[in-house]
Amino acid sequence: METLKTDYSKESVLLVDDDAMTLAIIEEVLRGLGFTASIASNGMEALQSVQVEPYSFLILDMDMSDVKGFEAMEMVARSAPDTSVIAMTPHQVEDYRYIDLIRSGAADFIKKPVDLEELEAKLVRIIHDRDLKKELSELSITDPLTNVYNRRHLFNRLKEEMVRANRQKRPLSLMLLDLDKFKEFNDTRGHIAGDDLLRNAARLIGKSIREGVDTVYRYGGDEFAVILIDAEPPVAGEIAKRIQQAFKESGEISSSIGWIMYKENMTVTDFISEADRFLYQAKSARKNPSREISVYR
């Protein structure tokens, strides 16, 4: 039976030990496996490194002279919470109980002298557990039909962005979109075609917003939401026009859009309710071609 090989090319490791020979041996092996490996000869140097550069792993000697292992792990947990720590302990581990190491932030531990095959096995397990956790987390915030973020994540993300907007005094906008006559399309063409239309709508919205800045959410049914970061009214208005143009060019269906700028002291419910009110006005405006389709405050 063939064993699936783990890709280490995107994994970076910082080795921390005051024993130069141990560092050299482990570094050579990890580089041979495909890891990006760096070294630090003491605890303070390691802590400075993780604050500057992100690492997948920190392999940490527990008995360094400057910073003791438990103290170093706690510092790493605060400054680089996404870094997994493997503690290297002396062969006699009476002073390092497994439960104490885990409680201090270690993902696992390994005895010195290090068994390199055992070390690789522990790295593989941690990588697989981390990736599975990430995948499950993504599934919990993703709409399964359209593959954009779901309503639950919209509320959580809005709370975060509203706090940031208040603190940094930066503009924040929320856009709600509704597919025009979707029920009629669904009843006429069938639910499979309706699902395809929703997936295409999500794709068109995603192509029309600023990549890496704005985010799309399925709000429910045929409604979508977009959080616009640092978007003054002219920017938000231009994005709304791009989305409408993308729908028009698709030839399948049109959309109504309402959006609003965040105002200090708004609650999440206020923010969404106000955007929804302008969406309703936008849908009404479509009945009068002389009026602007995107409505905003």
C-alpha atoms as a PDB file:
ATOM      1  CA  MET A   1       0.000   0.000   0.000  1.00  0.00           C
ATOM      2  CA  GLU A   2       1.470   3.344  -1.050  1.00  0.00           C
ATOM      3  CA  THR A   3       1.815   5.996   1.657  1.00  0.00           C
ATOM      4  CA  LEU A   4       0.736   9.517   0.795  1.00  0.00           C
ATOM      5  CA  LYS A   5       3.744  11.837   0.924  1.00  0.00           C
ATOM      6  CA  THR A   6       3.403  15.076   2.842  1.00  0.00           C
ATOM      7  CA  ASP A   7       4.482  18.234   1.027  1.00  0.00           C
ATOM      8  CA  TYR A   8       6.905  20.094   3.288  1.00  0.00           C
ATOM      9  CA  SER A   9       7.794  22.843   0.809  1.00  0.00           C
ATOM     10  CA  LYS A  10       5.477  25.403   2.442  1.00  0.00           C
ATOM     11  CA  GLU A  11       6.513  24.520   5.991  1.00  0.00           C
ATOM     12  CA  SER A  12       9.135  26.568   7.839  1.00  0.00           C
ATOM     13  CA  VAL A  13      10.910  25.452  11.006  1.00  0.00           C
ATOM     14  CA  LEU A  14      12.946  27.390  13.547  1.00  0.00           C
ATOM     15  CA  LEU A  15      15.360  25.162  15.493  1.00  0.00           C
ATOM     16  CA  VAL A  16      16.365  26.484  18.895  1.00  0.00           C
ATOM     17  CA  ASP A  17      19.226  24.916  20.867  1.00  0.00           C
ATOM     18  CA  ASP A  18      22.538  26.043  22.365  1.00  0.00           C
ATOM     19  CA  ASP A  19      24.118  22.794  21.130  1.00  0.00           C
ATOM     20  CA  ALA A  20      25.529  23.626  17.690  1.00  0.00           C
ATOM     21  CA  MET A  21      25.965  19.957  16.704  1.00  0.00           C
ATOM     22  CA  THR A  22      22.330  19.106  17.455  1.00  0.00           C
ATOM     23  CA  LEU A  23      21.197  22.119  15.436  1.00  0.00           C
ATOM     24  CA  ALA A  24      23.373  21.171  12.451  1.00  0.00           C
ATOM     25  CA  ILE A  25      22.134  17.558  12.335  1.00  0.00           C
ATOM     26  CA  ILE A  26      18.440  18.360  12.592  1.00  0.00           C
ATOM     27  CA  GLU A  27      18.725  21.299  10.174  1.00  0.00           C
ATOM     28  CA  GLU A  28      20.384  19.109   7.529  1.00  0.00           C
ATOM     29  CA  VAL A  29      17.729  16.412   7.816  1.00  0.00           C
ATOM     30  CA  LEU A  30      14.808  18.869   7.675  1.00  0.00           C
ATOM     31  CA  ARG A  31      16.236  20.657   4.654  1.00  0.00           C
ATOM     32  CA  GLY A  32      16.690  17.257   2.972  1.00  0.00           C
ATOM     33  CA  LEU A  33      12.988  16.526   3.547  1.00  0.00           C
ATOM     34  CA  GLY A  34      12.035  19.855   1.942  1.00  0.00           C
ATOM     35  CA  PHE A  35      11.420  22.078   4.963  1.00  0.00           C
ATOM     36  CA  THR A  36      12.681  25.639   5.135  1.00  0.00           C
ATOM     37  CA  ALA A  37      14.851  25.473   8.255  1.00  0.00           C
ATOM     38  CA  SER A  38      16.424  28.267  10.294  1.00  0.00           C
ATOM     39  CA  ILE A  39      18.369  28.147  13.534  1.00  0.00           C
ATOM     40  CA  ALA A  40      18.645  30.139  16.754  1.00  0.00           C
ATOM     41  CA  SER A  41      21.245  29.481  19.418  1.00  0.00           C
ATOM     42  CA  ASN A  42      19.292  30.811  22.394  1.00  0.00           C
ATOM     43  CA  GLY A  43      15.789  31.573  23.593  1.00  0.00           C
ATOM     44  CA  MET A  44      15.858  35.349  23.190  1.00  0.00           C
ATOM     45  CA  GLU A  45      17.097  35.061  19.617  1.00  0.00           C
ATOM     46  CA  ALA A  46      14.253  32.645  18.900  1.00  0.00           C
ATOM     47  CA  LEU A  47      11.625  34.961  20.386  1.00  0.00           C
ATOM     48  CA  GLN A  48      12.884  37.856  18.285  1.00  0.00           C
ATOM     49  CA  SER A  49      12.755  35.669  15.162  1.00  0.00           C
ATOM     50  CA  VAL A  50       9.136  34.506  15.605  1.00  0.00           C
ATOM     51  CA  GLN A  51       8.026  38.106  16.060  1.00  0.00           C
ATOM     52  CA  VAL A  52       9.546  39.083  12.707  1.00  0.00           C
ATOM     53  CA  GLU A  53       8.879  36.033  10.552  1.00  0.00           C
ATOM     54  CA  PRO A  54       6.048  33.464  10.691  1.00  0.00           C
ATOM     55  CA  TYR A  55       7.119  29.855  11.253  1.00  0.00           C
ATOM     56  CA  SER A  56       5.091  26.669  10.988  1.00  0.00           C
ATOM     57  CA  PHE A  57       7.141  25.027  13.748  1.00  0.00           C
ATOM     58  CA  LEU A  58       9.434  25.901  16.596  1.00  0.00           C
ATOM     59  CA  ILE A  59      11.565  22.966  17.776  1.00  0.00           C
ATOM     60  CA  LEU A  60      12.719  24.172  21.161  1.00  0.00           C
ATOM     61  CA  ASP A  61      15.338  22.861  23.584  1.00  0.00           C
ATOM     62  CA  MET A  62      13.843  23.010  27.089  1.00  0.00           C
ATOM     63  CA  ASP A  63      17.199  23.416  28.853  1.00  0.00           C
ATOM     64  CA  MET A  64      18.752  26.560  27.422  1.00  0.00           C
ATOM     65  CA  SER A  65      20.805  28.822  29.632  1.00  0.00           C
ATOM     66  CA  ASP A  66      19.117  32.173  28.946  1.00  0.00           C
ATOM     67  CA  VAL A  67      15.378  31.470  28.732  1.00  0.00           C
ATOM     68  CA  LYS A  68      13.883  28.277  30.149  1.00  0.00           C
ATOM     69  CA  GLY A  69      11.641  26.249  27.878  1.00  0.00           C
ATOM     70  CA  PHE A  70       8.345  26.790  29.680  1.00  0.00           C
ATOM     71  CA  GLU A  71       8.874  30.550  29.721  1.00  0.00           C
ATOM     72  CA  ALA A  72       9.847  30.559  26.037  1.00  0.00           C
ATOM     73  CA  MET A  73       6.771  28.528  25.045  1.00  0.00           C
ATOM     74  CA  GLU A  74       4.449  30.901  26.860  1.00  0.00           C
ATOM     75  CA  MET A  75       6.076  33.875  25.125  1.00  0.00           C
ATOM     76  CA  VAL A  76       5.761  32.181  21.727  1.00  0.00           C
ATOM     77  CA  ALA A  77       2.099  31.373  22.396  1.00  0.00           C
ATOM     78  CA  ARG A  78       1.444  35.091  22.941  1.00  0.00           C
ATOM     79  CA  SER A  79       3.489  36.478  20.045  1.00  0.00           C
ATOM     80  CA  ALA A  80       3.084  33.690  17.443  1.00  0.00           C
ATOM     81  CA  PRO A  81      -0.049  31.671  18.280  1.00  0.00           C
ATOM     82  CA  ASP A  82      -0.082  29.920  14.884  1.00  0.00           C
ATOM     83  CA  THR A  83       3.383  28.427  15.405  1.00  0.00           C
ATOM     84  CA  SER A  84       3.382  24.805  16.619  1.00  0.00           C
ATOM     85  CA  VAL A  85       6.003  24.079  19.270  1.00  0.00           C
ATOM     86  CA  ILE A  86       7.787  20.748  19.670  1.00  0.00           C
ATOM     87  CA  ALA A  87       9.710  20.626  22.963  1.00  0.00           C
ATOM     88  CA  MET A  88      13.072  18.845  23.025  1.00  0.00           C
ATOM     89  CA  THR A  89      13.643  17.371  26.480  1.00  0.00           C
ATOM     90  CA  PRO A  90      16.603  15.573  28.057  1.00  0.00           C
ATOM     91  CA  HIS A  91      16.540  11.766  27.927  1.00  0.00           C
ATOM     92  CA  GLN A  92      15.492  11.749  31.567  1.00  0.00           C
ATOM     93  CA  VAL A  93      12.156  13.573  31.470  1.00  0.00           C
ATOM     94  CA  GLU A  94      11.068  13.472  35.099  1.00  0.00           C
ATOM     95  CA  ASP A  95      11.178  17.271  35.201  1.00  0.00           C
ATOM     96  CA  TYR A  96       9.029  17.559  32.067  1.00  0.00           C
ATOM     97  CA  ARG A  97       5.688  15.833  32.369  1.00  0.00           C
ATOM     98  CA  TYR A  98       3.736  15.532  29.110  1.00  0.00           C
ATOM     99  CA  ILE A  99       0.696  17.274  30.569  1.00  0.00           C
ATOM    100  CA  ASP A 100       2.819  20.230  31.730  1.00  0.00           C
ATOM    101  CA  LEU A 101       4.381  20.606  28.279  1.00  0.00           C
ATOM    102  CA  ILE A 102       0.993  20.570  26.547  1.00  0.00           C
ATOM    103  CA  ARG A 103      -0.504  23.039  29.011  1.00  0.00           C
ATOM    104  CA  SER A 104       2.411  25.390  28.370  1.00  0.00           C
ATOM    105  CA  GLY A 105       1.698  25.425  24.638  1.00  0.00           C
ATOM    106  CA  ALA A 106       3.646  22.511  23.142  1.00  0.00           C
ATOM    107  CA  ALA A 107       2.013  20.520  20.350  1.00  0.00           C
ATOM    108  CA  ASP A 108       4.253  17.543  21.197  1.00  0.00           C
ATOM    109  CA  PHE A 109       7.667  16.698  22.638  1.00  0.00           C
ATOM    110  CA  ILE A 110      10.663  14.582  21.686  1.00  0.00           C
ATOM    111  CA  LYS A 111      13.550  13.272  23.785  1.00  0.00           C
ATOM    112  CA  LYS A 112      17.210  14.019  23.162  1.00  0.00           C
ATOM    113  CA  PRO A 113      19.166  12.616  21.450  1.00  0.00           C
ATOM    114  CA  VAL A 114      16.534  13.147  18.796  1.00  0.00           C
ATOM    115  CA  ASP A 115      15.258  10.180  16.778  1.00  0.00           C
ATOM    116  CA  LEU A 116      14.907  11.873  13.383  1.00  0.00           C
ATOM    117  CA  GLU A 117      12.292   9.442  12.036  1.00  0.00           C
ATOM    118  CA  GLU A 118      10.206  10.012  15.159  1.00  0.00           C
ATOM    119  CA  LEU A 119      10.580  13.766  14.700  1.00  0.00           C
ATOM    120  CA  GLU A 120       9.346  13.567  11.109  1.00  0.00           C
ATOM    121  CA  ALA A 121       6.369  11.458  12.202  1.00  0.00           C
ATOM    122  CA  LYS A 122       5.418  14.035  14.821  1.00  0.00           C
ATOM    123  CA  LEU A 123       5.740  16.863  12.282  1.00  0.00           C
ATOM    124  CA  VAL A 124       3.499  14.971   9.842  1.00  0.00           C
ATOM    125  CA  ARG A 125       0.846  14.381  12.504  1.00  0.00           C
ATOM    126  CA  ILE A 126       0.798  18.043  13.522  1.00  0.00           C
ATOM    127  CA  ILE A 127       0.581  19.188   9.878  1.00  0.00           C
ATOM    128  CA  HIS A 128      -2.325  16.837   9.156  1.00  0.00           C
ATOM    129  CA  ASP A 129      -4.168  17.822  12.362  1.00  0.00           C
ATOM    130  CA  ARG A 130      -3.633  21.530  11.611  1.00  0.00           C
ATOM    131  CA  ASP A 131      -4.844  21.218   8.013  1.00  0.00           C
ATOM    132  CA  LEU A 132      -7.901  19.186   9.049  1.00  0.00           C
ATOM    133  CA  LYS A 133      -8.791  21.756  11.689  1.00  0.00           C
ATOM    134  CA  LYS A 134      -8.415  24.535   9.132  1.00  0.00           C
ATOM    135  CA  GLU A 135     -10.580  22.668   6.613  1.00  0.00           C
ATOM    136  CA  LEU A 136     -13.323  22.070   9.188  1.00  0.00           C
ATOM    137  CA  SER A 137     -13.162  25.715  10.213  1.00  0.00           C
ATOM    138  CA  GLU A 138     -13.536  26.816   6.578  1.00  0.00           C
ATOM    139  CA  LEU A 139     -16.510  24.487   6.109  1.00  0.00           C
ATOM    140  CA  SER A 140     -18.238  25.975   9.153  1.00  0.00           C
ATOM    141  CA  ILE A 141     -18.145  29.493   7.662  1.00  0.00           C
ATOM    142  CA  THR A 142     -18.724  28.626   3.986  1.00  0.00           C
ATOM    143  CA  ASP A 143     -21.995  28.348   2.103  1.00  0.00           C
ATOM    144  CA  PRO A 144     -21.923  24.853   0.552  1.00  0.00           C
ATOM    145  CA  LEU A 145     -23.816  25.828  -2.611  1.00  0.00           C
ATOM    146  CA  THR A 146     -22.002  28.977  -3.709  1.00  0.00           C
ATOM    147  CA  ASN A 147     -18.682  28.438  -1.880  1.00  0.00           C
ATOM    148  CA  VAL A 148     -18.659  32.008  -0.542  1.00  0.00           C
ATOM    149  CA  TYR A 149     -18.848  32.858   3.163  1.00  0.00           C
ATOM    150  CA  ASN A 150     -22.139  32.185   4.926  1.00  0.00           C
ATOM    151  CA  ARG A 151     -24.510  34.356   6.965  1.00  0.00           C
ATOM    152  CA  ARG A 152     -22.999  33.266  10.275  1.00  0.00           C
ATOM    153  CA  HIS A 153     -19.556  34.459   9.241  1.00  0.00           C
ATOM    154  CA  LEU A 154     -21.025  37.723   7.928  1.00  0.00           C
ATOM    155  CA  PHE A 155     -22.229  38.687  11.411  1.00  0.00           C
ATOM    156  CA  ASN A 156     -18.921  37.712  13.039  1.00  0.00           C
ATOM    157  CA  ARG A 157     -16.837  39.550  10.445  1.00  0.00           C
ATOM    158  CA  LEU A 158     -19.027  42.658  10.622  1.00  0.00           C
ATOM    159  CA  LYS A 159     -18.481  42.869  14.372  1.00  0.00           C
ATOM    160  CA  GLU A 160     -14.710  42.703  13.868  1.00  0.00           C
ATOM    161  CA  GLU A 161     -14.681  45.282  11.069  1.00  0.00           C
ATOM    162  CA  MET A 162     -16.937  47.695  12.965  1.00  0.00           C
ATOM    163  CA  VAL A 163     -14.553  47.611  15.934  1.00  0.00           C
ATOM    164  CA  ARG A 164     -11.633  48.234  13.558  1.00  0.00           C
ATOM    165  CA  ALA A 165     -13.462  51.058  11.774  1.00  0.00           C
ATOM    166  CA  ASN A 166     -14.165  52.771  15.112  1.00  0.00           C
ATOM    167  CA  ARG A 167     -10.606  52.351  16.325  1.00  0.00           C
ATOM    168  CA  GLN A 168      -8.852  53.378  13.124  1.00  0.00           C
ATOM    169  CA  LYS A 169     -11.454  55.921  11.976  1.00  0.00           C
ATOM    170  CA  ARG A 170     -11.577  54.248   8.560  1.00  0.00           C
ATOM    171  CA  PRO A 171     -14.633  53.986   6.252  1.00  0.00           C
ATOM    172  CA  LEU A 172     -16.609  50.756   6.178  1.00  0.00           C
ATOM    173  CA  SER A 173     -19.538  49.907   3.916  1.00  0.00           C
ATOM    174  CA  LEU A 174     -22.026  47.066   3.693  1.00  0.00           C
ATOM    175  CA  MET A 175     -23.685  46.126   0.422  1.00  0.00           C
ATOM    176  CA  LEU A 176     -26.745  43.876   0.046  1.00  0.00           C
ATOM    177  CA  LEU A 177     -27.708  42.394  -3.327  1.00  0.00           C
ATOM    178  CA  ASP A 178     -30.884  40.675  -4.426  1.00  0.00           C
ATOM    179  CA  LEU A 179     -31.358  38.781  -7.694  1.00  0.00           C
ATOM    180  CA  ASP A 180     -34.328  40.229  -9.563  1.00  0.00           C
ATOM    181  CA  LYS A 181     -37.184  37.821 -10.311  1.00  0.00           C
ATOM    182  CA  PHE A 182     -35.212  34.851  -9.034  1.00  0.00           C
ATOM    183  CA  LYS A 183     -38.324  33.022  -7.855  1.00  0.00           C
ATOM    184  CA  GLU A 184     -39.802  33.347 -11.330  1.00  0.00           C
ATOM    185  CA  PHE A 185     -36.553  32.002 -12.840  1.00  0.00           C
ATOM    186  CA  ASN A 186     -36.505  29.131 -10.354  1.00  0.00           C
ATOM    187  CA  ASP A 187     -40.145  28.198 -10.992  1.00  0.00           C
ATOM    188  CA  THR A 188     -39.696  28.337 -14.759  1.00  0.00           C
ATOM    189  CA  ARG A 189     -36.271  26.755 -15.191  1.00  0.00           C
ATOM    190  CA  GLY A 190     -36.182  24.463 -12.155  1.00  0.00           C
ATOM    191  CA  HIS A 191     -34.124  24.275  -8.966  1.00  0.00           C
ATOM    192  CA  ILE A 192     -31.012  22.837 -10.605  1.00  0.00           C
ATOM    193  CA  ALA A 193     -30.844  25.791 -12.977  1.00  0.00           C
ATOM    194  CA  GLY A 194     -31.583  28.080 -10.022  1.00  0.00           C
ATOM    195  CA  ASP A 195     -28.668  26.629  -8.074  1.00  0.00           C
ATOM    196  CA  ASP A 196     -26.397  27.127 -11.088  1.00  0.00           C
ATOM    197  CA  LEU A 197     -27.540  30.735 -11.287  1.00  0.00           C
ATOM    198  CA  LEU A 198     -26.756  31.333  -7.614  1.00  0.00           C
ATOM    199  CA  ARG A 199     -23.274  29.874  -8.053  1.00  0.00           C
ATOM    200  CA  ASN A 200     -22.667  32.064 -11.091  1.00  0.00           C
ATOM    201  CA  ALA A 201     -23.981  35.117  -9.243  1.00  0.00           C
ATOM    202  CA  ALA A 202     -21.484  34.521  -6.432  1.00  0.00           C
ATOM    203  CA  ARG A 203     -18.705  34.167  -8.992  1.00  0.00           C
ATOM    204  CA  LEU A 204     -19.654  37.401 -10.788  1.00  0.00           C
ATOM    205  CA  ILE A 205     -19.807  39.344  -7.520  1.00  0.00           C
ATOM    206  CA  GLY A 206     -16.428  37.954  -6.498  1.00  0.00           C
ATOM    207  CA  LYS A 207     -14.862  39.048  -9.795  1.00  0.00           C
ATOM    208  CA  SER A 208     -16.296  42.557  -9.437  1.00  0.00           C
ATOM    209  CA  ILE A 209     -14.994  43.432  -5.979  1.00  0.00           C
ATOM    210  CA  ARG A 210     -11.450  44.248  -4.875  1.00  0.00           C
ATOM    211  CA  GLU A 211      -9.519  41.019  -4.467  1.00  0.00           C
ATOM    212  CA  GLY A 212      -8.013  40.566  -1.015  1.00  0.00           C
ATOM    213  CA  VAL A 213      -9.903  43.585   0.341  1.00  0.00           C
ATOM    214  CA  ASP A 214     -13.669  43.034   0.071  1.00  0.00           C
ATOM    215  CA  THR A 215     -15.513  39.802   0.938  1.00  0.00           C
ATOM    216  CA  VAL A 216     -18.694  38.157  -0.380  1.00  0.00           C
ATOM    217  CA  TYR A 217     -21.305  36.355   1.706  1.00  0.00           C
ATOM    218  CA  ARG A 218     -24.494  34.499   0.915  1.00  0.00           C
ATOM    219  CA  TYR A 219     -26.970  36.258   3.158  1.00  0.00           C
ATOM    220  CA  GLY A 220     -29.829  33.875   2.415  1.00  0.00           C
ATOM    221  CA  GLY A 221     -31.882  32.603  -0.510  1.00  0.00           C
ATOM    222  CA  ASP A 222     -30.986  34.795  -3.491  1.00  0.00           C
ATOM    223  CA  GLU A 223     -29.494  37.577  -1.377  1.00  0.00           C
ATOM    224  CA  PHE A 224     -25.764  38.270  -1.078  1.00  0.00           C
ATOM    225  CA  ALA A 225     -23.766  40.681   1.057  1.00  0.00           C
ATOM    226  CA  VAL A 226     -20.413  42.362   0.492  1.00  0.00           C
ATOM    227  CA  ILE A 227     -18.270  43.968   3.183  1.00  0.00           C
ATOM    228  CA  LEU A 228     -16.311  46.847   1.673  1.00  0.00           C
ATOM    229  CA  ILE A 229     -13.181  47.847   3.586  1.00  0.00           C
ATOM    230  CA  ASP A 230     -11.862  51.421   3.349  1.00  0.00           C
ATOM    231  CA  ALA A 231     -14.445  52.256   0.691  1.00  0.00           C
ATOM    232  CA  GLU A 232     -15.556  55.864   0.451  1.00  0.00           C
ATOM    233  CA  PRO A 233     -18.876  56.501  -1.385  1.00  0.00           C
ATOM    234  CA  PRO A 234     -17.292  56.894  -4.865  1.00  0.00           C
ATOM    235  CA  VAL A 235     -15.474  53.562  -4.477  1.00  0.00           C
ATOM    236  CA  ALA A 236     -18.542  51.734  -3.172  1.00  0.00           C
ATOM    237  CA  GLY A 237     -20.655  53.203  -5.948  1.00  0.00           C
ATOM    238  CA  GLU A 238     -18.165  52.106  -8.594  1.00  0.00           C
ATOM    239  CA  ILE A 239     -18.121  48.549  -7.216  1.00  0.00           C
ATOM    240  CA  ALA A 240     -21.924  48.469  -7.299  1.00  0.00           C
ATOM    241  CA  LYS A 241     -21.863  49.515 -10.965  1.00  0.00           C
ATOM    242  CA  ARG A 242     -19.260  46.861 -11.788  1.00  0.00           C
ATOM    243  CA  ILE A 243     -21.425  44.168 -10.220  1.00  0.00           C
ATOM    244  CA  GLN A 244     -24.510  45.314 -12.108  1.00  0.00           C
ATOM    245  CA  GLN A 245     -22.551  45.435 -15.356  1.00  0.00           C
ATOM    246  CA  ALA A 246     -21.253  41.907 -14.773  1.00  0.00           C
ATOM    247  CA  PHE A 247     -24.813  40.653 -14.299  1.00  0.00           C
ATOM    248  CA  LYS A 248     -25.951  42.504 -17.405  1.00  0.00           C
ATOM    249  CA  GLU A 249     -23.178  40.993 -19.516  1.00  0.00           C
ATOM    250  CA  SER A 250     -23.981  37.502 -18.248  1.00  0.00           C
ATOM    251  CA  GLY A 251     -27.403  37.805 -19.856  1.00  0.00           C
ATOM    252  CA  GLU A 252     -29.004  35.590 -17.214  1.00  0.00           C
ATOM    253  CA  ILE A 253     -30.482  37.895 -14.608  1.00  0.00           C
ATOM    254  CA  SER A 254     -30.185  41.373 -13.113  1.00  0.00           C
ATOM    255  CA  SER A 255     -29.641  42.486  -9.537  1.00  0.00           C
ATOM    256  CA  SER A 256     -30.758  45.214  -7.179  1.00  0.00           C
ATOM    257  CA  ILE A 257     -28.181  46.668  -4.817  1.00  0.00           C
ATOM    258  CA  GLY A 258     -28.430  48.742  -1.674  1.00  0.00           C
ATOM    259  CA  TRP A 259     -25.452  49.834   0.369  1.00  0.00           C
ATOM    260  CA  ILE A 260     -24.667  52.065   3.295  1.00  0.00           C
ATOM    261  CA  MET A 261     -21.664  53.571   5.069  1.00  0.00           C
ATOM    262  CA  TYR A 262     -21.081  52.556   8.667  1.00  0.00           C
ATOM    263  CA  LYS A 263     -21.772  55.211  11.285  1.00  0.00           C
ATOM    264  CA  GLU A 264     -20.311  55.227  14.769  1.00  0.00           C
ATOM    265  CA  ASN A 265     -22.463  53.615  17.466  1.00  0.00           C
ATOM    266  CA  MET A 266     -24.381  51.497  14.960  1.00  0.00           C
ATOM    267  CA  THR A 267     -25.007  47.916  16.075  1.00  0.00           C
ATOM    268  CA  VAL A 268     -24.619  45.006  13.673  1.00  0.00           C
ATOM    269  CA  THR A 269     -28.408  44.772  13.496  1.00  0.00           C
ATOM    270  CA  ASP A 270     -28.677  48.508  12.717  1.00  0.00           C
ATOM    271  CA  PHE A 271     -26.039  48.232  10.008  1.00  0.00           C
ATOM    272  CA  ILE A 272     -27.721  45.323   8.243  1.00  0.00           C
ATOM    273  CA  SER A 273     -31.233  46.724   8.685  1.00  0.00           C
ATOM    274  CA  GLU A 274     -30.242  50.050   7.127  1.00  0.00           C
ATOM    275  CA  ALA A 275     -28.561  48.325   4.176  1.00  0.00           C
ATOM    276  CA  ASP A 276     -31.661  46.161   3.756  1.00  0.00           C
ATOM    277  CA  ARG A 277     -33.870  49.248   3.758  1.00  0.00           C
ATOM    278  CA  PHE A 278     -31.864  50.760   0.907  1.00  0.00           C
ATOM    279  CA  LEU A 279     -31.954  47.448  -0.936  1.00  0.00           C
ATOM    280  CA  TYR A 280     -35.747  47.592  -0.758  1.00  0.00           C
ATOM    281  CA  GLN A 281     -35.638  51.116  -2.187  1.00  0.00           C
ATOM    282  CA  ALA A 282     -33.312  49.895  -4.928  1.00  0.00           C
ATOM    283  CA  LYS A 283     -35.740  47.147  -5.909  1.00  0.00           C
ATOM    284  CA  SER A 284     -38.551  49.693  -6.054  1.00  0.00           C
ATOM    285  CA  ALA A 285     -36.362  52.019  -8.128  1.00  0.00           C
ATOM    286  CA  ARG A 286     -35.948  49.362 -10.832  1.00  0.00           C
ATOM    287  CA  LYS A 287     -39.574  49.926 -11.737  1.00  0.00           C
ATOM    288  CA  ASN A 288     -38.641  53.487 -12.722  1.00  0.00           C
ATOM    289  CA  PRO A 289     -35.741  53.511 -15.253  1.00  0.00           C
ATOM    290  CA  SER A 290     -35.050  57.186 -14.581  1.00  0.00           C
ATOM    291  CA  ARG A 291     -33.984  56.492 -11.008  1.00  0.00           C
ATOM    292  CA  GLU A 292     -30.620  55.257  -9.757  1.00  0.00           C
ATOM    293  CA  ILE A 293     -30.626  51.520  -9.115  1.00  0.00           C
ATOM    294  CA  SER A 294     -28.004  51.494  -6.348  1.00  0.00           C
ATOM    295  CA  VAL A 295     -29.344  53.392  -3.372  1.00  0.00           C
ATOM    296  CA  TYR A 296     -27.154  54.517  -0.493  1.00  0.00           C
ATOM    297  CA  ARG A 297     -27.071  56.986   2.356  1.00  0.00           C
END
